[in-house]
Amino acid sequence: MESLAHIPNYLVEAVDDLIHYLDQSVMLQVQNIPQKSASKGKARVAVLFSGGIDSTVITYLAHKHIPFDEPIDLLNVAFENPRKIRLQSEGNTGGKQKHKKKIVPEVEGDTCKSYSVPDRITGLHEVEELRRLCPERSWNFVRNRKAHGKL
């Protein structure tokens, strides 16, 4: 397969079936959530959102089956990285440095770089893509921070 822009003929039916059944499954999960479970402006639906392809597709499909005036909460969990904290405070004490020091991107809303982990970074990128594709929806990116050893 040269490109994802073109689906080979022998895969078209399988891809269409996958999308159909996944869409139906998500619809069944979100269609009967009681209205009383949320007050005006509060989300009735929340998705555990890493920003990976799976959580992004499920979120988009949920968007199709919920009234546009209802927000969707995107729950993003960042686990504190103790190795990153140790390197920031002590430097590389384990011998010679094999790689150049990575520049950790600053994540808006997270004051501590130990929470600038891949799921937080991809989650923030994908929520912006959802906002671009579905501007009529209010997307609530909910940051959850879990300290190392505190589950």
N, C-alpha and C. Protein backbone atom coordinates (compact mmCIF):
# COMPACT_ATOMS: atom_id res chain seq x y z
N MET A 1 0.86 -1.17 0.00
CA MET A 1 0.00 0.00 0.00
C MET A 1 0.91 1.23 0.00
N GLU A 2 0.77 2.06 -1.01
CA GLU A 2 1.61 3.25 -1.15
C GLU A 2 1.15 4.42 -0.30
N SER A 3 -0.16 4.55 -0.12
CA SER A 3 -0.69 5.71 0.56
C SER A 3 -2.01 5.35 1.25
N LEU A 4 -2.28 6.03 2.36
CA LEU A 4 -3.56 5.84 3.02
C LEU A 4 -4.67 6.64 2.34
N ALA A 5 -4.30 7.50 1.40
CA ALA A 5 -5.29 8.30 0.68
C ALA A 5 -6.10 7.43 -0.28
N HIS A 6 -5.55 6.29 -0.66
CA HIS A 6 -6.25 5.39 -1.57
C HIS A 6 -6.33 4.01 -0.93
N ILE A 7 -7.53 3.51 -0.78
CA ILE A 7 -7.74 2.18 -0.21
C ILE A 7 -7.86 1.20 -1.37
N PRO A 8 -7.04 0.16 -1.38
CA PRO A 8 -7.14 -0.84 -2.46
C PRO A 8 -8.54 -1.45 -2.51
N ASN A 9 -9.00 -1.79 -3.69
CA ASN A 9 -10.36 -2.32 -3.88
C ASN A 9 -10.64 -3.52 -2.99
N TYR A 10 -9.66 -4.38 -2.79
CA TYR A 10 -9.91 -5.59 -2.00
C TYR A 10 -10.11 -5.28 -0.51
N LEU A 11 -9.80 -4.06 -0.06
CA LEU A 11 -9.98 -3.68 1.35
C LEU A 11 -11.16 -2.74 1.59
N VAL A 12 -11.76 -2.22 0.54
CA VAL A 12 -12.82 -1.21 0.69
C VAL A 12 -13.98 -1.73 1.54
N GLU A 13 -14.47 -2.92 1.26
CA GLU A 13 -15.61 -3.45 2.02
C GLU A 13 -15.23 -3.67 3.49
N ALA A 14 -14.05 -4.19 3.74
CA ALA A 14 -13.62 -4.43 5.13
C ALA A 14 -13.48 -3.11 5.89
N VAL A 15 -12.93 -2.09 5.25
CA VAL A 15 -12.77 -0.78 5.89
C VAL A 15 -14.14 -0.16 6.17
N ASP A 16 -15.03 -0.23 5.19
CA ASP A 16 -16.37 0.30 5.37
C ASP A 16 -17.10 -0.41 6.51
N ASP A 17 -16.96 -1.74 6.57
CA ASP A 17 -17.59 -2.51 7.65
C ASP A 17 -17.02 -2.12 9.01
N LEU A 18 -15.72 -1.98 9.10
CA LEU A 18 -15.08 -1.59 10.36
C LEU A 18 -15.62 -0.25 10.84
N ILE A 19 -15.67 0.73 9.95
CA ILE A 19 -16.17 2.06 10.31
C ILE A 19 -17.64 1.97 10.72
N HIS A 20 -18.43 1.23 9.99
CA HIS A 20 -19.86 1.10 10.29
C HIS A 20 -20.07 0.49 11.67
N TYR A 21 -19.41 -0.63 11.95
CA TYR A 21 -19.64 -1.32 13.23
C TYR A 21 -19.06 -0.54 14.41
N LEU A 22 -17.95 0.12 14.21
CA LEU A 22 -17.39 0.96 15.26
C LEU A 22 -18.33 2.14 15.54
N ASP A 23 -18.83 2.76 14.48
CA ASP A 23 -19.78 3.87 14.63
C ASP A 23 -21.04 3.42 15.38
N GLN A 24 -21.58 2.27 15.01
CA GLN A 24 -22.77 1.74 15.67
C GLN A 24 -22.51 1.44 17.15
N SER A 25 -21.35 0.90 17.44
CA SER A 25 -20.98 0.59 18.82
C SER A 25 -20.90 1.86 19.67
N VAL A 26 -20.26 2.90 19.14
CA VAL A 26 -20.16 4.16 19.87
C VAL A 26 -21.55 4.78 20.04
N MET A 27 -22.36 4.73 19.00
CA MET A 27 -23.72 5.28 19.09
C MET A 27 -24.50 4.59 20.22
N LEU A 28 -24.40 3.27 20.31
CA LEU A 28 -25.11 2.54 21.36
C LEU A 28 -24.63 2.94 22.76
N GLN A 29 -23.36 3.30 22.87
CA GLN A 29 -22.81 3.69 24.17
C GLN A 29 -23.28 5.07 24.61
N VAL A 30 -23.50 5.97 23.66
CA VAL A 30 -23.80 7.36 24.03
C VAL A 30 -25.27 7.75 23.89
N GLN A 31 -26.06 6.97 23.18
CA GLN A 31 -27.42 7.43 22.86
C GLN A 31 -28.37 7.41 24.05
N ASN A 32 -28.17 6.57 25.03
CA ASN A 32 -29.12 6.46 26.12
C ASN A 32 -28.60 7.00 27.46
N ILE A 33 -27.67 7.90 27.42
CA ILE A 33 -27.20 8.52 28.65
C ILE A 33 -28.30 9.47 29.12
N PRO A 34 -28.78 9.31 30.34
CA PRO A 34 -29.90 10.15 30.80
C PRO A 34 -29.56 11.65 30.77
N GLN A 35 -30.54 12.43 30.35
CA GLN A 35 -30.39 13.88 30.30
C GLN A 35 -30.16 14.46 31.69
N LYS A 36 -30.78 13.88 32.70
CA LYS A 36 -30.66 14.42 34.05
C LYS A 36 -29.26 14.25 34.64
N SER A 37 -28.41 13.45 33.98
CA SER A 37 -27.08 13.22 34.53
C SER A 37 -26.16 14.42 34.37
N ALA A 38 -26.61 15.43 33.64
CA ALA A 38 -25.79 16.63 33.48
C ALA A 38 -26.69 17.85 33.44
N SER A 39 -26.23 18.90 34.05
CA SER A 39 -26.99 20.15 33.99
C SER A 39 -26.56 20.92 32.75
N LYS A 40 -27.28 22.00 32.46
CA LYS A 40 -27.02 22.80 31.26
C LYS A 40 -25.55 23.21 31.19
N GLY A 41 -24.93 22.93 30.05
CA GLY A 41 -23.54 23.30 29.83
C GLY A 41 -22.53 22.31 30.37
N LYS A 42 -23.00 21.26 31.04
CA LYS A 42 -22.11 20.23 31.58
C LYS A 42 -22.12 19.04 30.63
N ALA A 43 -20.99 18.40 30.50
CA ALA A 43 -20.88 17.25 29.61
C ALA A 43 -21.53 16.02 30.23
N ARG A 44 -22.27 15.29 29.39
CA ARG A 44 -22.80 13.98 29.79
C ARG A 44 -21.85 12.89 29.35
N VAL A 45 -21.00 13.20 28.38
CA VAL A 45 -20.09 12.22 27.80
C VAL A 45 -18.65 12.65 28.04
N ALA A 46 -17.85 11.68 28.46
CA ALA A 46 -16.41 11.91 28.62
C ALA A 46 -15.68 10.75 27.96
N VAL A 47 -14.54 11.05 27.37
CA VAL A 47 -13.72 10.04 26.71
C VAL A 47 -12.33 10.11 27.33
N LEU A 48 -11.79 8.95 27.70
CA LEU A 48 -10.40 8.89 28.13
C LEU A 48 -9.57 9.13 26.89
N PHE A 49 -8.87 10.27 26.85
CA PHE A 49 -8.33 10.82 25.60
C PHE A 49 -6.83 10.99 25.65
N SER A 50 -6.12 10.10 24.95
CA SER A 50 -4.67 10.20 24.88
C SER A 50 -4.21 11.00 23.67
N GLY A 51 -5.12 11.16 22.71
CA GLY A 51 -4.74 11.80 21.46
C GLY A 51 -4.26 10.80 20.44
N GLY A 52 -4.26 9.51 20.80
CA GLY A 52 -3.92 8.46 19.84
C GLY A 52 -5.05 8.28 18.84
N ILE A 53 -4.78 7.50 17.82
CA ILE A 53 -5.78 7.32 16.77
C ILE A 53 -7.05 6.67 17.31
N ASP A 54 -6.93 5.75 18.26
CA ASP A 54 -8.12 5.07 18.78
C ASP A 54 -9.02 6.03 19.55
N SER A 55 -8.47 6.77 20.49
CA SER A 55 -9.31 7.68 21.27
C SER A 55 -9.83 8.84 20.42
N THR A 56 -9.07 9.26 19.44
CA THR A 56 -9.52 10.35 18.57
C THR A 56 -10.68 9.90 17.69
N VAL A 57 -10.59 8.71 17.12
CA VAL A 57 -11.67 8.20 16.27
C VAL A 57 -12.93 7.99 17.10
N ILE A 58 -12.80 7.39 18.27
CA ILE A 58 -13.97 7.16 19.13
C ILE A 58 -14.61 8.50 19.53
N THR A 59 -13.78 9.49 19.83
CA THR A 59 -14.29 10.81 20.18
C THR A 59 -15.05 11.43 19.02
N TYR A 60 -14.49 11.34 17.83
CA TYR A 60 -15.16 11.89 16.65
C TYR A 60 -16.50 11.19 16.40
N LEU A 61 -16.51 9.88 16.55
CA LEU A 61 -17.76 9.14 16.34
C LEU A 61 -18.80 9.51 17.41
N ALA A 62 -18.38 9.70 18.65
CA ALA A 62 -19.31 10.13 19.70
C ALA A 62 -19.89 11.50 19.34
N HIS A 63 -19.05 12.37 18.82
CA HIS A 63 -19.49 13.71 18.39
C HIS A 63 -20.67 13.63 17.42
N LYS A 64 -20.66 12.64 16.54
CA LYS A 64 -21.72 12.50 15.54
C LYS A 64 -23.07 12.14 16.16
N HIS A 65 -23.06 11.57 17.37
CA HIS A 65 -24.30 11.04 17.95
C HIS A 65 -24.78 11.80 19.18
N ILE A 66 -24.19 12.93 19.46
CA ILE A 66 -24.57 13.75 20.61
C ILE A 66 -24.96 15.13 20.08
N PRO A 67 -26.03 15.74 20.61
CA PRO A 67 -26.40 17.08 20.15
C PRO A 67 -25.19 18.04 20.22
N PHE A 68 -25.04 18.86 19.19
CA PHE A 68 -23.88 19.74 19.08
C PHE A 68 -23.77 20.76 20.21
N ASP A 69 -24.89 21.07 20.84
CA ASP A 69 -24.84 22.08 21.91
C ASP A 69 -24.36 21.48 23.25
N GLU A 70 -24.10 20.18 23.28
CA GLU A 70 -23.58 19.54 24.49
C GLU A 70 -22.07 19.40 24.38
N PRO A 71 -21.34 19.82 25.42
CA PRO A 71 -19.88 19.65 25.38
C PRO A 71 -19.49 18.18 25.56
N ILE A 72 -18.28 17.86 25.19
CA ILE A 72 -17.70 16.54 25.45
C ILE A 72 -16.42 16.77 26.24
N ASP A 73 -16.29 16.05 27.35
CA ASP A 73 -15.07 16.12 28.16
C ASP A 73 -14.05 15.12 27.62
N LEU A 74 -12.84 15.60 27.43
CA LEU A 74 -11.72 14.75 27.00
C LEU A 74 -10.78 14.62 28.19
N LEU A 75 -10.80 13.44 28.82
CA LEU A 75 -10.02 13.22 30.03
C LEU A 75 -8.63 12.75 29.65
N ASN A 76 -7.65 13.56 29.95
CA ASN A 76 -6.27 13.27 29.59
C ASN A 76 -5.45 13.08 30.86
N VAL A 77 -4.82 11.92 30.99
CA VAL A 77 -4.05 11.61 32.18
C VAL A 77 -2.57 11.67 31.85
N ALA A 78 -1.84 12.44 32.64
CA ALA A 78 -0.38 12.51 32.50
C ALA A 78 0.23 11.94 33.77
N PHE A 79 1.01 10.90 33.61
CA PHE A 79 1.69 10.29 34.75
C PHE A 79 3.07 10.93 34.88
N GLU A 80 3.35 11.42 36.06
CA GLU A 80 4.64 12.04 36.34
C GLU A 80 5.75 11.04 36.04
N ASN A 81 6.81 11.51 35.41
CA ASN A 81 7.92 10.65 35.02
C ASN A 81 9.08 10.87 35.99
N PRO A 82 9.33 9.92 36.91
CA PRO A 82 10.39 10.12 37.90
C PRO A 82 11.79 10.20 37.28
N ARG A 83 12.01 9.51 36.16
CA ARG A 83 13.33 9.58 35.50
C ARG A 83 13.58 11.00 34.99
N LYS A 84 12.54 11.61 34.45
CA LYS A 84 12.67 12.97 33.93
C LYS A 84 12.97 13.95 35.07
N ILE A 85 12.30 13.76 36.21
CA ILE A 85 12.54 14.61 37.37
C ILE A 85 13.98 14.45 37.85
N ARG A 86 14.45 13.20 37.93
CA ARG A 86 15.81 12.94 38.39
C ARG A 86 16.84 13.59 37.45
N LEU A 87 16.63 13.44 36.14
CA LEU A 87 17.55 14.04 35.18
C LEU A 87 17.55 15.56 35.26
N GLN A 88 16.37 16.15 35.50
CA GLN A 88 16.29 17.60 35.61
C GLN A 88 17.02 18.11 36.84
N SER A 89 16.95 17.35 37.94
CA SER A 89 17.57 17.82 39.17
C SER A 89 19.04 17.42 39.29
N GLU A 90 19.40 16.23 38.82
CA GLU A 90 20.76 15.73 39.03
C GLU A 90 21.61 15.73 37.77
N GLY A 91 20.97 15.75 36.63
CA GLY A 91 21.71 15.59 35.38
C GLY A 91 21.95 14.12 35.12
N ASN A 92 22.69 13.81 34.07
CA ASN A 92 22.96 12.42 33.71
C ASN A 92 24.14 11.92 34.54
N THR A 93 23.82 11.24 35.63
CA THR A 93 24.88 10.77 36.53
C THR A 93 25.29 9.34 36.24
N GLY A 94 24.66 8.70 35.27
CA GLY A 94 24.92 7.29 35.02
C GLY A 94 26.00 7.03 33.99
N GLY A 95 26.85 7.96 33.70
CA GLY A 95 27.91 7.70 32.72
C GLY A 95 27.87 8.71 31.60
N LYS A 96 28.50 8.31 30.49
CA LYS A 96 28.57 9.25 29.37
C LYS A 96 27.21 9.42 28.71
N GLN A 97 27.01 10.60 28.19
CA GLN A 97 25.74 10.92 27.55
C GLN A 97 25.76 10.36 26.14
N LYS A 98 24.79 9.51 25.82
CA LYS A 98 24.75 8.85 24.52
C LYS A 98 24.00 9.69 23.49
N HIS A 99 23.06 10.46 23.95
CA HIS A 99 22.22 11.24 23.04
C HIS A 99 22.25 12.70 23.45
N LYS A 100 21.96 13.54 22.47
CA LYS A 100 21.80 14.95 22.81
C LYS A 100 20.59 15.10 23.70
N LYS A 101 20.63 16.09 24.58
CA LYS A 101 19.51 16.33 25.49
C LYS A 101 18.29 16.74 24.68
N LYS A 102 17.18 16.05 24.95
CA LYS A 102 15.94 16.37 24.26
C LYS A 102 15.36 17.64 24.84
N ILE A 103 14.81 18.45 23.98
CA ILE A 103 14.11 19.64 24.44
C ILE A 103 12.66 19.23 24.64
N VAL A 104 12.20 19.35 25.87
CA VAL A 104 10.83 18.98 26.21
C VAL A 104 9.93 20.14 25.86
N PRO A 105 8.94 19.91 24.99
CA PRO A 105 8.05 21.03 24.64
C PRO A 105 7.26 21.49 25.86
N GLU A 106 7.08 22.78 25.94
CA GLU A 106 6.29 23.36 27.03
C GLU A 106 4.82 23.08 26.73
N VAL A 107 4.14 22.49 27.66
CA VAL A 107 2.73 22.16 27.48
C VAL A 107 1.91 23.21 28.21
N GLU A 108 1.09 23.90 27.44
CA GLU A 108 0.26 24.97 28.00
C GLU A 108 -0.62 24.41 29.12
N GLY A 109 -0.62 25.08 30.24
CA GLY A 109 -1.45 24.66 31.37
C GLY A 109 -0.73 23.73 32.34
N ASP A 110 0.41 23.21 31.96
CA ASP A 110 1.19 22.34 32.85
C ASP A 110 2.46 23.08 33.22
N THR A 111 2.56 23.45 34.49
CA THR A 111 3.71 24.21 34.93
C THR A 111 4.93 23.33 35.16
N CYS A 112 4.73 22.04 35.32
CA CYS A 112 5.82 21.13 35.61
C CYS A 112 6.13 20.29 34.37
N LYS A 113 7.37 20.35 33.89
CA LYS A 113 7.74 19.60 32.68
C LYS A 113 7.67 18.09 32.88
N SER A 114 7.63 17.62 34.13
CA SER A 114 7.54 16.18 34.33
C SER A 114 6.19 15.64 33.86
N TYR A 115 5.23 16.53 33.59
CA TYR A 115 3.93 16.10 33.06
C TYR A 115 3.82 16.34 31.56
N SER A 116 4.87 16.79 30.92
CA SER A 116 4.89 16.97 29.47
C SER A 116 5.23 15.62 28.83
N VAL A 117 4.31 14.70 28.96
CA VAL A 117 4.51 13.33 28.49
C VAL A 117 3.80 13.15 27.15
N PRO A 118 4.12 12.10 26.40
CA PRO A 118 3.55 11.94 25.05
C PRO A 118 2.03 12.01 24.99
N ASP A 119 1.32 11.36 25.93
CA ASP A 119 -0.14 11.41 25.87
C ASP A 119 -0.69 12.82 26.07
N ARG A 120 -0.01 13.64 26.86
CA ARG A 120 -0.46 15.03 27.04
C ARG A 120 -0.21 15.82 25.77
N ILE A 121 0.96 15.65 25.18
CA ILE A 121 1.32 16.40 23.98
C ILE A 121 0.43 16.02 22.81
N THR A 122 0.24 14.70 22.57
CA THR A 122 -0.62 14.29 21.46
C THR A 122 -2.07 14.64 21.73
N GLY A 123 -2.49 14.55 22.99
CA GLY A 123 -3.86 14.93 23.33
C GLY A 123 -4.14 16.38 22.99
N LEU A 124 -3.21 17.26 23.34
CA LEU A 124 -3.39 18.69 23.03
C LEU A 124 -3.40 18.95 21.52
N HIS A 125 -2.57 18.23 20.78
CA HIS A 125 -2.57 18.40 19.32
C HIS A 125 -3.90 17.94 18.72
N GLU A 126 -4.39 16.80 19.19
CA GLU A 126 -5.62 16.25 18.62
C GLU A 126 -6.87 17.01 19.03
N VAL A 127 -6.90 17.57 20.23
CA VAL A 127 -8.07 18.38 20.59
C VAL A 127 -8.14 19.62 19.70
N GLU A 128 -7.00 20.15 19.32
CA GLU A 128 -7.01 21.29 18.39
C GLU A 128 -7.52 20.87 17.02
N GLU A 129 -7.17 19.66 16.59
CA GLU A 129 -7.67 19.15 15.32
C GLU A 129 -9.19 18.94 15.39
N LEU A 130 -9.69 18.41 16.51
CA LEU A 130 -11.14 18.26 16.68
C LEU A 130 -11.84 19.62 16.67
N ARG A 131 -11.24 20.60 17.31
CA ARG A 131 -11.83 21.95 17.31
C ARG A 131 -11.88 22.54 15.91
N ARG A 132 -10.88 22.21 15.10
CA ARG A 132 -10.84 22.70 13.72
C ARG A 132 -11.90 21.98 12.88
N LEU A 133 -12.01 20.66 13.04
CA LEU A 133 -12.96 19.88 12.25
C LEU A 133 -14.41 20.05 12.70
N CYS A 134 -14.61 20.27 13.99
CA CYS A 134 -15.95 20.32 14.57
C CYS A 134 -16.10 21.58 15.43
N PRO A 135 -16.08 22.75 14.81
CA PRO A 135 -16.09 23.99 15.59
C PRO A 135 -17.41 24.24 16.34
N GLU A 136 -18.47 23.55 15.96
CA GLU A 136 -19.76 23.75 16.63
C GLU A 136 -19.81 23.09 18.01
N ARG A 137 -18.86 22.24 18.31
CA ARG A 137 -18.82 21.50 19.58
C ARG A 137 -17.91 22.21 20.57
N SER A 138 -18.28 22.17 21.84
CA SER A 138 -17.40 22.63 22.90
C SER A 138 -16.63 21.42 23.42
N TRP A 139 -15.31 21.44 23.23
CA TRP A 139 -14.43 20.34 23.64
C TRP A 139 -13.72 20.75 24.92
N ASN A 140 -13.93 20.03 26.00
CA ASN A 140 -13.29 20.33 27.29
C ASN A 140 -12.11 19.39 27.50
N PHE A 141 -10.90 19.92 27.35
CA PHE A 141 -9.70 19.11 27.58
C PHE A 141 -9.41 19.14 29.08
N VAL A 142 -9.65 18.02 29.74
CA VAL A 142 -9.53 17.94 31.20
C VAL A 142 -8.20 17.28 31.53
N ARG A 143 -7.31 18.08 32.12
CA ARG A 143 -5.98 17.58 32.48
C ARG A 143 -6.02 16.88 33.84
N ASN A 144 -5.58 15.65 33.87
CA ASN A 144 -5.43 14.92 35.12
C ASN A 144 -3.95 14.62 35.29
N ARG A 145 -3.43 14.98 36.44
CA ARG A 145 -2.01 14.75 36.73
C ARG A 145 -1.90 13.71 37.83
N LYS A 146 -1.12 12.68 37.58
CA LYS A 146 -0.92 11.63 38.57
C LYS A 146 0.56 11.58 38.93
N ALA A 147 0.83 11.86 40.20
CA ALA A 147 2.21 11.80 40.69
C ALA A 147 2.66 10.35 40.71
N HIS A 148 3.96 10.15 40.55
CA HIS A 148 4.53 8.80 40.55
C HIS A 148 4.18 8.10 41.85
N GLY A 149 3.64 6.90 41.74
CA GLY A 149 3.30 6.11 42.92
C GLY A 149 1.99 6.49 43.57
N LYS A 150 1.22 7.41 43.00
CA LYS A 150 -0.05 7.86 43.59
C LYS A 150 -1.21 7.50 42.68
N LEU A 151 -1.57 6.23 42.62
CA LEU A 151 -2.71 5.83 41.78
C LEU A 151 -3.91 5.57 42.58
